[in-house]
Amino acid sequence: MSRTVPPYPTSHNLLAGKTVVVTAAAGTGIGFSAAKRAAEEGATVLMSDFHERRLGEAADRIAAETGKRPVTVVCDVTSEDAVQGLLAAALRELGHVDVLINNAGLGGTASVVAMTDAEWSRVIDVTLTSVMRMSRAFLPHMYERGAGAVVNNASVLGWRAQEGQAHYAAAKAGVMAFTRCSAIEAAAHGVRINAVAPSIAMHAFLAKVTSDELLAELSAREAFGRPAEVWEIANVMIFLASDLASYMTGEILSVSSQRA
């Protein structure tokens, strides 16, 4: 069992000349890493998030590390008006959108018998309905251009069971089903839609909302004996966004080292 983290990847210009929009990209999570990796791979990036201060700080970090500051737009993906505003800003600032990365999601722990309607609805709205809302907004633009790629962030919990995660698992399973069905519709327009399904990727927010005991248990289940780095998830997102994945659509790629 190896707990050694591999070297950070070098750029291969996989997204050179492309424009990329990433949701939920503030902070230290997968969305931030996806935006950073996209910039490193040559893309012009627009980052959106609900938290204005953290979004600006994240863009400053990417600028300091890559030399390219992403465009930033504050957006609440549970609001149709905000999503339409994000689309308008993306077209205004980028000219067109080649890649959409739907990363927004909300977790939490609650047993089914104790779960409130509000807890259920909030997780479904942020995690699943936002993917539909963003796709509904951006796909017509991609259809008109006859090209584009969408990458959704699902989870292995869409396939597997974990106590206290019924709402989150249901939402992520929905993301998987939505990815497959929307991909069939989009294929006729030259647009690809795929998803990643991470198991566990360590970042500050996850550590804040998850007990040390559960993090240790989840990490121990991984064949490598460690959680993924967020950029290891982002690497697969970048692959799916790139032309290297030109014949892939409707696929859910598990980014996991868990034993079967």
C-alpha atoms as a PDB file:
ATOM      1  CA  MET A   1       0.000   0.000   0.000  1.00  0.00           C
ATOM      2  CA  SER A   2       1.422   3.359  -1.070  1.00  0.00           C
ATOM      3  CA  ARG A   3       0.425   6.578   0.691  1.00  0.00           C
ATOM      4  CA  THR A   4       2.793   8.649  -1.426  1.00  0.00           C
ATOM      5  CA  VAL A   5       1.200  11.539  -3.287  1.00  0.00           C
ATOM      6  CA  PRO A   6       2.460  11.690  -6.898  1.00  0.00           C
ATOM      7  CA  PRO A   7       4.081  14.816  -8.303  1.00  0.00           C
ATOM      8  CA  TYR A   8       1.796  17.646  -9.366  1.00  0.00           C
ATOM      9  CA  PRO A   9       1.157  17.404 -13.130  1.00  0.00           C
ATOM     10  CA  THR A  10       2.893  19.524 -15.711  1.00  0.00           C
ATOM     11  CA  SER A  11       0.921  21.273 -18.420  1.00  0.00           C
ATOM     12  CA  HIS A  12       0.350  19.669 -21.816  1.00  0.00           C
ATOM     13  CA  ASN A  13      -1.811  22.524 -23.187  1.00  0.00           C
ATOM     14  CA  LEU A  14      -4.808  20.202 -23.330  1.00  0.00           C
ATOM     15  CA  LEU A  15      -7.221  23.146 -23.280  1.00  0.00           C
ATOM     16  CA  ALA A  16      -5.179  25.660 -25.256  1.00  0.00           C
ATOM     17  CA  GLY A  17      -7.443  28.252 -26.852  1.00  0.00           C
ATOM     18  CA  LYS A  18     -10.574  26.996 -25.068  1.00  0.00           C
ATOM     19  CA  THR A  19     -12.886  28.848 -22.703  1.00  0.00           C
ATOM     20  CA  VAL A  20     -14.006  27.153 -19.485  1.00  0.00           C
ATOM     21  CA  VAL A  21     -16.711  28.007 -16.938  1.00  0.00           C
ATOM     22  CA  VAL A  22     -16.461  26.369 -13.501  1.00  0.00           C
ATOM     23  CA  THR A  23     -19.110  26.569 -10.765  1.00  0.00           C
ATOM     24  CA  ALA A  24     -18.402  26.365  -7.026  1.00  0.00           C
ATOM     25  CA  ALA A  25     -14.770  27.255  -7.665  1.00  0.00           C
ATOM     26  CA  ALA A  26     -13.861  29.236  -4.547  1.00  0.00           C
ATOM     27  CA  GLY A  27     -11.885  27.851  -1.633  1.00  0.00           C
ATOM     28  CA  THR A  28      -9.702  24.758  -1.720  1.00  0.00           C
ATOM     29  CA  GLY A  29     -11.956  22.081  -3.196  1.00  0.00           C
ATOM     30  CA  ILE A  30     -12.312  20.276  -6.491  1.00  0.00           C
ATOM     31  CA  GLY A  31     -13.831  23.283  -8.247  1.00  0.00           C
ATOM     32  CA  PHE A  32     -10.898  25.525  -7.381  1.00  0.00           C
ATOM     33  CA  SER A  33      -8.459  22.869  -8.551  1.00  0.00           C
ATOM     34  CA  ALA A  34     -10.411  22.345 -11.779  1.00  0.00           C
ATOM     35  CA  ALA A  35     -10.251  26.071 -12.511  1.00  0.00           C
ATOM     36  CA  LYS A  36      -6.540  26.163 -11.737  1.00  0.00           C
ATOM     37  CA  ARG A  37      -5.757  23.087 -13.840  1.00  0.00           C
ATOM     38  CA  ALA A  38      -7.807  24.502 -16.723  1.00  0.00           C
ATOM     39  CA  ALA A  39      -5.765  27.710 -16.599  1.00  0.00           C
ATOM     40  CA  GLU A  40      -2.548  25.684 -16.451  1.00  0.00           C
ATOM     41  CA  GLU A  41      -3.675  23.738 -19.512  1.00  0.00           C
ATOM     42  CA  GLY A  42      -4.056  26.940 -21.532  1.00  0.00           C
ATOM     43  CA  ALA A  43      -7.746  27.777 -21.100  1.00  0.00           C
ATOM     44  CA  THR A  44      -9.321  31.150 -20.474  1.00  0.00           C
ATOM     45  CA  VAL A  45     -11.317  30.531 -17.290  1.00  0.00           C
ATOM     46  CA  LEU A  46     -14.407  32.008 -15.683  1.00  0.00           C
ATOM     47  CA  MET A  47     -14.948  30.985 -12.064  1.00  0.00           C
ATOM     48  CA  SER A  48     -18.266  31.346 -10.285  1.00  0.00           C
ATOM     49  CA  ASP A  49     -19.261  30.834  -6.679  1.00  0.00           C
ATOM     50  CA  PHE A  50     -21.833  31.991  -4.133  1.00  0.00           C
ATOM     51  CA  HIS A  51     -19.148  33.453  -1.835  1.00  0.00           C
ATOM     52  CA  GLU A  52     -17.836  36.707  -3.288  1.00  0.00           C
ATOM     53  CA  ARG A  53     -14.844  37.222  -0.989  1.00  0.00           C
ATOM     54  CA  ARG A  54     -13.605  33.638  -1.258  1.00  0.00           C
ATOM     55  CA  LEU A  55     -14.129  33.728  -5.012  1.00  0.00           C
ATOM     56  CA  GLY A  56     -11.915  36.783  -5.365  1.00  0.00           C
ATOM     57  CA  GLU A  57      -9.264  35.274  -3.123  1.00  0.00           C
ATOM     58  CA  ALA A  58      -9.326  32.041  -5.168  1.00  0.00           C
ATOM     59  CA  ALA A  59      -8.878  33.961  -8.412  1.00  0.00           C
ATOM     60  CA  ASP A  60      -5.977  35.881  -6.884  1.00  0.00           C
ATOM     61  CA  ARG A  61      -4.323  32.583  -5.913  1.00  0.00           C
ATOM     62  CA  ILE A  62      -4.676  31.197  -9.416  1.00  0.00           C
ATOM     63  CA  ALA A  63      -3.286  34.423 -10.873  1.00  0.00           C
ATOM     64  CA  ALA A  64      -0.284  34.256  -8.551  1.00  0.00           C
ATOM     65  CA  GLU A  65       0.426  30.614  -9.427  1.00  0.00           C
ATOM     66  CA  THR A  66      -0.364  30.611 -13.160  1.00  0.00           C
ATOM     67  CA  GLY A  67       0.076  34.213 -14.258  1.00  0.00           C
ATOM     68  CA  LYS A  68      -3.523  34.279 -15.542  1.00  0.00           C
ATOM     69  CA  ARG A  69      -6.377  35.633 -13.419  1.00  0.00           C
ATOM     70  CA  PRO A  70      -9.722  33.995 -14.139  1.00  0.00           C
ATOM     71  CA  VAL A  71     -12.820  36.084 -14.674  1.00  0.00           C
ATOM     72  CA  THR A  72     -15.023  35.908 -11.561  1.00  0.00           C
ATOM     73  CA  VAL A  73     -18.817  36.037 -11.374  1.00  0.00           C
ATOM     74  CA  VAL A  74     -20.822  35.619  -8.171  1.00  0.00           C
ATOM     75  CA  CYS A  75     -23.625  33.126  -8.797  1.00  0.00           C
ATOM     76  CA  ASP A  76     -26.152  31.216  -6.708  1.00  0.00           C
ATOM     77  CA  VAL A  77     -26.803  28.115  -8.819  1.00  0.00           C
ATOM     78  CA  THR A  78     -30.169  27.605  -7.091  1.00  0.00           C
ATOM     79  CA  SER A  79     -31.445  30.835  -8.690  1.00  0.00           C
ATOM     80  CA  GLU A  80     -32.543  30.809 -12.331  1.00  0.00           C
ATOM     81  CA  ASP A  81     -31.992  34.565 -12.577  1.00  0.00           C
ATOM     82  CA  ALA A  82     -28.443  34.190 -11.244  1.00  0.00           C
ATOM     83  CA  VAL A  83     -27.684  31.361 -13.669  1.00  0.00           C
ATOM     84  CA  GLN A  84     -28.943  33.426 -16.599  1.00  0.00           C
ATOM     85  CA  GLY A  85     -26.776  36.278 -15.338  1.00  0.00           C
ATOM     86  CA  LEU A  86     -23.787  33.935 -15.275  1.00  0.00           C
ATOM     87  CA  LEU A  87     -24.456  32.865 -18.863  1.00  0.00           C
ATOM     88  CA  ALA A  88     -24.696  36.476 -19.986  1.00  0.00           C
ATOM     89  CA  ALA A  89     -21.461  37.345 -18.190  1.00  0.00           C
ATOM     90  CA  ALA A  90     -19.671  34.332 -19.685  1.00  0.00           C
ATOM     91  CA  LEU A  91     -20.675  35.280 -23.223  1.00  0.00           C
ATOM     92  CA  ARG A  92     -19.759  38.903 -22.599  1.00  0.00           C
ATOM     93  CA  GLU A  93     -16.357  38.160 -21.044  1.00  0.00           C
ATOM     94  CA  LEU A  94     -15.339  35.025 -22.958  1.00  0.00           C
ATOM     95  CA  GLY A  95     -17.157  35.457 -26.262  1.00  0.00           C
ATOM     96  CA  HIS A  96     -18.246  31.825 -26.218  1.00  0.00           C
ATOM     97  CA  VAL A  97     -18.099  28.827 -23.869  1.00  0.00           C
ATOM     98  CA  ASP A  98     -16.299  25.635 -24.901  1.00  0.00           C
ATOM     99  CA  VAL A  99     -16.438  23.820 -21.563  1.00  0.00           C
ATOM    100  CA  LEU A 100     -18.845  23.888 -18.619  1.00  0.00           C
ATOM    101  CA  ILE A 101     -17.800  22.194 -15.374  1.00  0.00           C
ATOM    102  CA  ASN A 102     -20.753  21.721 -13.021  1.00  0.00           C
ATOM    103  CA  ASN A 103     -19.118  21.334  -9.636  1.00  0.00           C
ATOM    104  CA  ALA A 104     -21.677  22.795  -7.204  1.00  0.00           C
ATOM    105  CA  GLY A 105     -22.833  20.408  -4.502  1.00  0.00           C
ATOM    106  CA  LEU A 106     -23.932  20.288  -0.882  1.00  0.00           C
ATOM    107  CA  GLY A 107     -23.528  17.439   1.569  1.00  0.00           C
ATOM    108  CA  GLY A 108     -24.487  16.828   5.172  1.00  0.00           C
ATOM    109  CA  THR A 109     -25.335  13.909   7.410  1.00  0.00           C
ATOM    110  CA  ALA A 110     -28.869  12.939   8.439  1.00  0.00           C
ATOM    111  CA  SER A 111     -30.682   9.668   8.949  1.00  0.00           C
ATOM    112  CA  VAL A 112     -33.773   9.158   6.833  1.00  0.00           C
ATOM    113  CA  VAL A 113     -36.102   9.127   9.847  1.00  0.00           C
ATOM    114  CA  ALA A 114     -34.648  12.385  11.171  1.00  0.00           C
ATOM    115  CA  MET A 115     -34.271  14.191   7.847  1.00  0.00           C
ATOM    116  CA  THR A 116     -36.439  17.262   7.338  1.00  0.00           C
ATOM    117  CA  ASP A 117     -38.024  18.282   4.059  1.00  0.00           C
ATOM    118  CA  ALA A 118     -35.813  21.376   4.100  1.00  0.00           C
ATOM    119  CA  GLU A 119     -32.610  19.326   4.469  1.00  0.00           C
ATOM    120  CA  TRP A 120     -33.644  16.994   1.651  1.00  0.00           C
ATOM    121  CA  SER A 121     -34.730  19.787  -0.678  1.00  0.00           C
ATOM    122  CA  ARG A 122     -31.640  21.917  -0.099  1.00  0.00           C
ATOM    123  CA  VAL A 123     -29.227  19.078  -0.929  1.00  0.00           C
ATOM    124  CA  ILE A 124     -31.234  18.085  -4.016  1.00  0.00           C
ATOM    125  CA  ASP A 125     -31.479  21.694  -5.216  1.00  0.00           C
ATOM    126  CA  VAL A 126     -27.792  22.541  -4.847  1.00  0.00           C
ATOM    127  CA  THR A 127     -26.398  19.169  -5.916  1.00  0.00           C
ATOM    128  CA  LEU A 128     -28.775  17.939  -8.633  1.00  0.00           C
ATOM    129  CA  THR A 129     -31.151  20.662  -9.790  1.00  0.00           C
ATOM    130  CA  SER A 130     -28.267  23.100 -10.245  1.00  0.00           C
ATOM    131  CA  VAL A 131     -26.747  20.750 -12.816  1.00  0.00           C
ATOM    132  CA  MET A 132     -30.003  20.760 -14.769  1.00  0.00           C
ATOM    133  CA  ARG A 133     -30.356  24.535 -14.385  1.00  0.00           C
ATOM    134  CA  MET A 134     -26.815  25.255 -15.600  1.00  0.00           C
ATOM    135  CA  SER A 135     -27.067  22.752 -18.451  1.00  0.00           C
ATOM    136  CA  ARG A 136     -30.423  24.165 -19.546  1.00  0.00           C
ATOM    137  CA  ALA A 137     -28.883  27.621 -19.702  1.00  0.00           C
ATOM    138  CA  PHE A 138     -25.593  26.811 -21.449  1.00  0.00           C
ATOM    139  CA  LEU A 139     -26.490  23.963 -23.818  1.00  0.00           C
ATOM    140  CA  PRO A 140     -28.424  26.078 -26.359  1.00  0.00           C
ATOM    141  CA  HIS A 141     -25.291  28.207 -26.843  1.00  0.00           C
ATOM    142  CA  MET A 142     -23.184  25.069 -27.371  1.00  0.00           C
ATOM    143  CA  TYR A 143     -25.819  23.582 -29.673  1.00  0.00           C
ATOM    144  CA  GLU A 144     -25.751  26.725 -31.795  1.00  0.00           C
ATOM    145  CA  ARG A 145     -21.975  26.428 -32.146  1.00  0.00           C
ATOM    146  CA  GLY A 146     -22.128  22.686 -32.790  1.00  0.00           C
ATOM    147  CA  ALA A 147     -19.447  21.989 -30.205  1.00  0.00           C
ATOM    148  CA  GLY A 148     -18.806  21.900 -26.484  1.00  0.00           C
ATOM    149  CA  ALA A 149     -18.141  19.711 -23.483  1.00  0.00           C
ATOM    150  CA  VAL A 150     -19.876  19.514 -20.119  1.00  0.00           C
ATOM    151  CA  VAL A 151     -18.287  17.792 -17.125  1.00  0.00           C
ATOM    152  CA  ASN A 152     -20.457  17.103 -14.080  1.00  0.00           C
ATOM    153  CA  ASN A 153     -19.242  16.214 -10.602  1.00  0.00           C
ATOM    154  CA  ALA A 154     -21.014  13.125  -9.266  1.00  0.00           C
ATOM    155  CA  SER A 155     -19.818  10.758  -6.505  1.00  0.00           C
ATOM    156  CA  VAL A 156     -19.244   7.072  -5.908  1.00  0.00           C
ATOM    157  CA  LEU A 157     -22.165   7.383  -3.476  1.00  0.00           C
ATOM    158  CA  GLY A 158     -24.352   7.413  -6.563  1.00  0.00           C
ATOM    159  CA  TRP A 159     -23.519   3.695  -6.688  1.00  0.00           C
ATOM    160  CA  ARG A 160     -22.563   2.812  -3.124  1.00  0.00           C
ATOM    161  CA  ALA A 161     -24.221   3.036   0.271  1.00  0.00           C
ATOM    162  CA  GLN A 162     -23.151   5.117   3.262  1.00  0.00           C
ATOM    163  CA  GLU A 163     -25.070   5.729   6.456  1.00  0.00           C
ATOM    164  CA  GLY A 164     -26.557   9.192   6.817  1.00  0.00           C
ATOM    165  CA  GLN A 165     -26.085  10.080   3.151  1.00  0.00           C
ATOM    166  CA  ALA A 166     -29.436   9.176   1.576  1.00  0.00           C
ATOM    167  CA  HIS A 167     -30.135  12.715   0.348  1.00  0.00           C
ATOM    168  CA  TYR A 168     -26.634  13.302  -1.014  1.00  0.00           C
ATOM    169  CA  ALA A 169     -26.408   9.839  -2.586  1.00  0.00           C
ATOM    170  CA  ALA A 170     -29.807  10.280  -4.224  1.00  0.00           C
ATOM    171  CA  ALA A 171     -28.722  13.648  -5.613  1.00  0.00           C
ATOM    172  CA  LYS A 172     -25.464  12.262  -6.994  1.00  0.00           C
ATOM    173  CA  ALA A 173     -27.223   9.250  -8.515  1.00  0.00           C
ATOM    174  CA  GLY A 174     -29.499  11.797 -10.147  1.00  0.00           C
ATOM    175  CA  VAL A 175     -26.476  13.637 -11.538  1.00  0.00           C
ATOM    176  CA  MET A 176     -25.319  10.365 -13.086  1.00  0.00           C
ATOM    177  CA  ALA A 177     -28.708   9.665 -14.684  1.00  0.00           C
ATOM    178  CA  PHE A 178     -29.020  13.268 -15.870  1.00  0.00           C
ATOM    179  CA  THR A 179     -25.543  13.058 -17.395  1.00  0.00           C
ATOM    180  CA  ARG A 180     -26.409   9.949 -19.384  1.00  0.00           C
ATOM    181  CA  CYS A 181     -29.765  11.203 -20.657  1.00  0.00           C
ATOM    182  CA  SER A 182     -28.661  14.736 -21.469  1.00  0.00           C
ATOM    183  CA  ALA A 183     -25.625  13.323 -23.288  1.00  0.00           C
ATOM    184  CA  ILE A 184     -27.874  11.444 -25.697  1.00  0.00           C
ATOM    185  CA  GLU A 185     -29.762  14.648 -26.485  1.00  0.00           C
ATOM    186  CA  ALA A 186     -26.564  16.682 -26.875  1.00  0.00           C
ATOM    187  CA  ALA A 187     -24.737  14.227 -29.122  1.00  0.00           C
ATOM    188  CA  ALA A 188     -26.782  15.234 -32.156  1.00  0.00           C
ATOM    189  CA  HIS A 189     -25.462  18.786 -31.683  1.00  0.00           C
ATOM    190  CA  GLY A 190     -21.788  17.842 -31.368  1.00  0.00           C
ATOM    191  CA  VAL A 191     -21.724  18.370 -27.589  1.00  0.00           C
ATOM    192  CA  ARG A 192     -20.297  15.846 -25.132  1.00  0.00           C
ATOM    193  CA  ILE A 193     -21.504  15.424 -21.531  1.00  0.00           C
ATOM    194  CA  ASN A 194     -19.662  13.241 -19.019  1.00  0.00           C
ATOM    195  CA  ALA A 195     -19.147  13.086 -15.258  1.00  0.00           C
ATOM    196  CA  VAL A 196     -16.571  12.134 -12.673  1.00  0.00           C
ATOM    197  CA  ALA A 197     -17.446  10.167  -9.551  1.00  0.00           C
ATOM    198  CA  PRO A 198     -14.843  10.757  -6.840  1.00  0.00           C
ATOM    199  CA  SER A 199     -14.653   8.687  -3.673  1.00  0.00           C
ATOM    200  CA  ILE A 200     -12.798  10.912  -1.211  1.00  0.00           C
ATOM    201  CA  ALA A 201     -10.702  13.982  -2.013  1.00  0.00           C
ATOM    202  CA  MET A 202      -9.154  15.858   0.874  1.00  0.00           C
ATOM    203  CA  HIS A 203      -9.592  19.608   1.216  1.00  0.00           C
ATOM    204  CA  ALA A 204     -10.114  22.098   4.023  1.00  0.00           C
ATOM    205  CA  PHE A 205     -13.910  22.268   3.822  1.00  0.00           C
ATOM    206  CA  LEU A 206     -14.292  18.487   3.931  1.00  0.00           C
ATOM    207  CA  ALA A 207     -12.029  18.334   6.965  1.00  0.00           C
ATOM    208  CA  LYS A 208     -14.132  21.038   8.621  1.00  0.00           C
ATOM    209  CA  VAL A 209     -17.469  19.241   8.229  1.00  0.00           C
ATOM    210  CA  THR A 210     -16.315  15.621   8.652  1.00  0.00           C
ATOM    211  CA  SER A 211     -15.033  13.941  11.804  1.00  0.00           C
ATOM    212  CA  ASP A 212     -11.441  12.759  11.958  1.00  0.00           C
ATOM    213  CA  GLU A 213     -12.719   9.255  12.664  1.00  0.00           C
ATOM    214  CA  LEU A 214     -14.865   9.111   9.516  1.00  0.00           C
ATOM    215  CA  LEU A 215     -12.101  10.599   7.361  1.00  0.00           C
ATOM    216  CA  ALA A 216      -9.691   7.957   8.665  1.00  0.00           C
ATOM    217  CA  GLU A 217     -12.229   5.182   8.001  1.00  0.00           C
ATOM    218  CA  LEU A 218     -12.929   6.375   4.443  1.00  0.00           C
ATOM    219  CA  SER A 219      -9.227   6.773   3.690  1.00  0.00           C
ATOM    220  CA  ALA A 220      -8.511   3.267   4.991  1.00  0.00           C
ATOM    221  CA  ARG A 221     -10.958   1.844   2.443  1.00  0.00           C
ATOM    222  CA  GLU A 222      -8.885   3.218  -0.408  1.00  0.00           C
ATOM    223  CA  ALA A 223      -6.388   0.832  -1.990  1.00  0.00           C
ATOM    224  CA  PHE A 224      -3.722   3.548  -1.850  1.00  0.00           C
ATOM    225  CA  GLY A 225      -4.438   4.129   1.841  1.00  0.00           C
ATOM    226  CA  ARG A 226      -5.000   7.852   1.359  1.00  0.00           C
ATOM    227  CA  PRO A 227      -7.627  10.243   0.027  1.00  0.00           C
ATOM    228  CA  ALA A 228      -7.185  11.740  -3.424  1.00  0.00           C
ATOM    229  CA  GLU A 229      -5.677  15.164  -3.814  1.00  0.00           C
ATOM    230  CA  VAL A 230      -8.261  17.529  -5.286  1.00  0.00           C
ATOM    231  CA  TRP A 231      -6.079  18.031  -8.352  1.00  0.00           C
ATOM    232  CA  GLU A 232      -6.183  14.278  -9.011  1.00  0.00           C
ATOM    233  CA  ILE A 233      -9.948  14.624  -9.474  1.00  0.00           C
ATOM    234  CA  ALA A 234      -9.488  17.794 -11.512  1.00  0.00           C
ATOM    235  CA  ASN A 235      -7.048  15.982 -13.816  1.00  0.00           C
ATOM    236  CA  VAL A 236      -9.833  13.644 -14.929  1.00  0.00           C
ATOM    237  CA  MET A 237     -12.210  16.565 -15.396  1.00  0.00           C
ATOM    238  CA  ILE A 238      -9.637  18.237 -17.630  1.00  0.00           C
ATOM    239  CA  PHE A 239      -9.238  15.023 -19.636  1.00  0.00           C
ATOM    240  CA  LEU A 240     -13.008  14.784 -20.171  1.00  0.00           C
ATOM    241  CA  ALA A 241     -13.103  18.450 -21.181  1.00  0.00           C
ATOM    242  CA  SER A 242     -10.282  18.003 -23.669  1.00  0.00           C
ATOM    243  CA  ASP A 243     -10.272  16.707 -27.224  1.00  0.00           C
ATOM    244  CA  LEU A 244      -8.570  13.532 -25.969  1.00  0.00           C
ATOM    245  CA  ALA A 245     -12.031  12.413 -24.818  1.00  0.00           C
ATOM    246  CA  SER A 246     -13.635  13.194 -28.186  1.00  0.00           C
ATOM    247  CA  TYR A 247     -15.441   9.837 -28.438  1.00  0.00           C
ATOM    248  CA  MET A 248     -16.718   9.772 -24.853  1.00  0.00           C
ATOM    249  CA  THR A 249     -20.179  10.950 -23.884  1.00  0.00           C
ATOM    250  CA  GLY A 250     -22.686   9.848 -21.259  1.00  0.00           C
ATOM    251  CA  GLU A 251     -19.892   8.224 -19.261  1.00  0.00           C
ATOM    252  CA  ILE A 252     -19.360   8.323 -15.500  1.00  0.00           C
ATOM    253  CA  LEU A 253     -15.681   7.904 -14.619  1.00  0.00           C
ATOM    254  CA  SER A 254     -15.025   6.694 -11.092  1.00  0.00           C
ATOM    255  CA  VAL A 255     -11.994   8.528  -9.685  1.00  0.00           C
ATOM    256  CA  SER A 256     -11.372   6.171  -6.821  1.00  0.00           C
ATOM    257  CA  SER A 257      -8.995   3.582  -5.479  1.00  0.00           C
ATOM    258  CA  GLN A 258     -11.640   1.795  -3.398  1.00  0.00           C
ATOM    259  CA  ARG A 259     -11.718  -1.948  -3.379  1.00  0.00           C
ATOM    260  CA  ALA A 260     -14.740  -3.526  -5.041  1.00  0.00           C
END
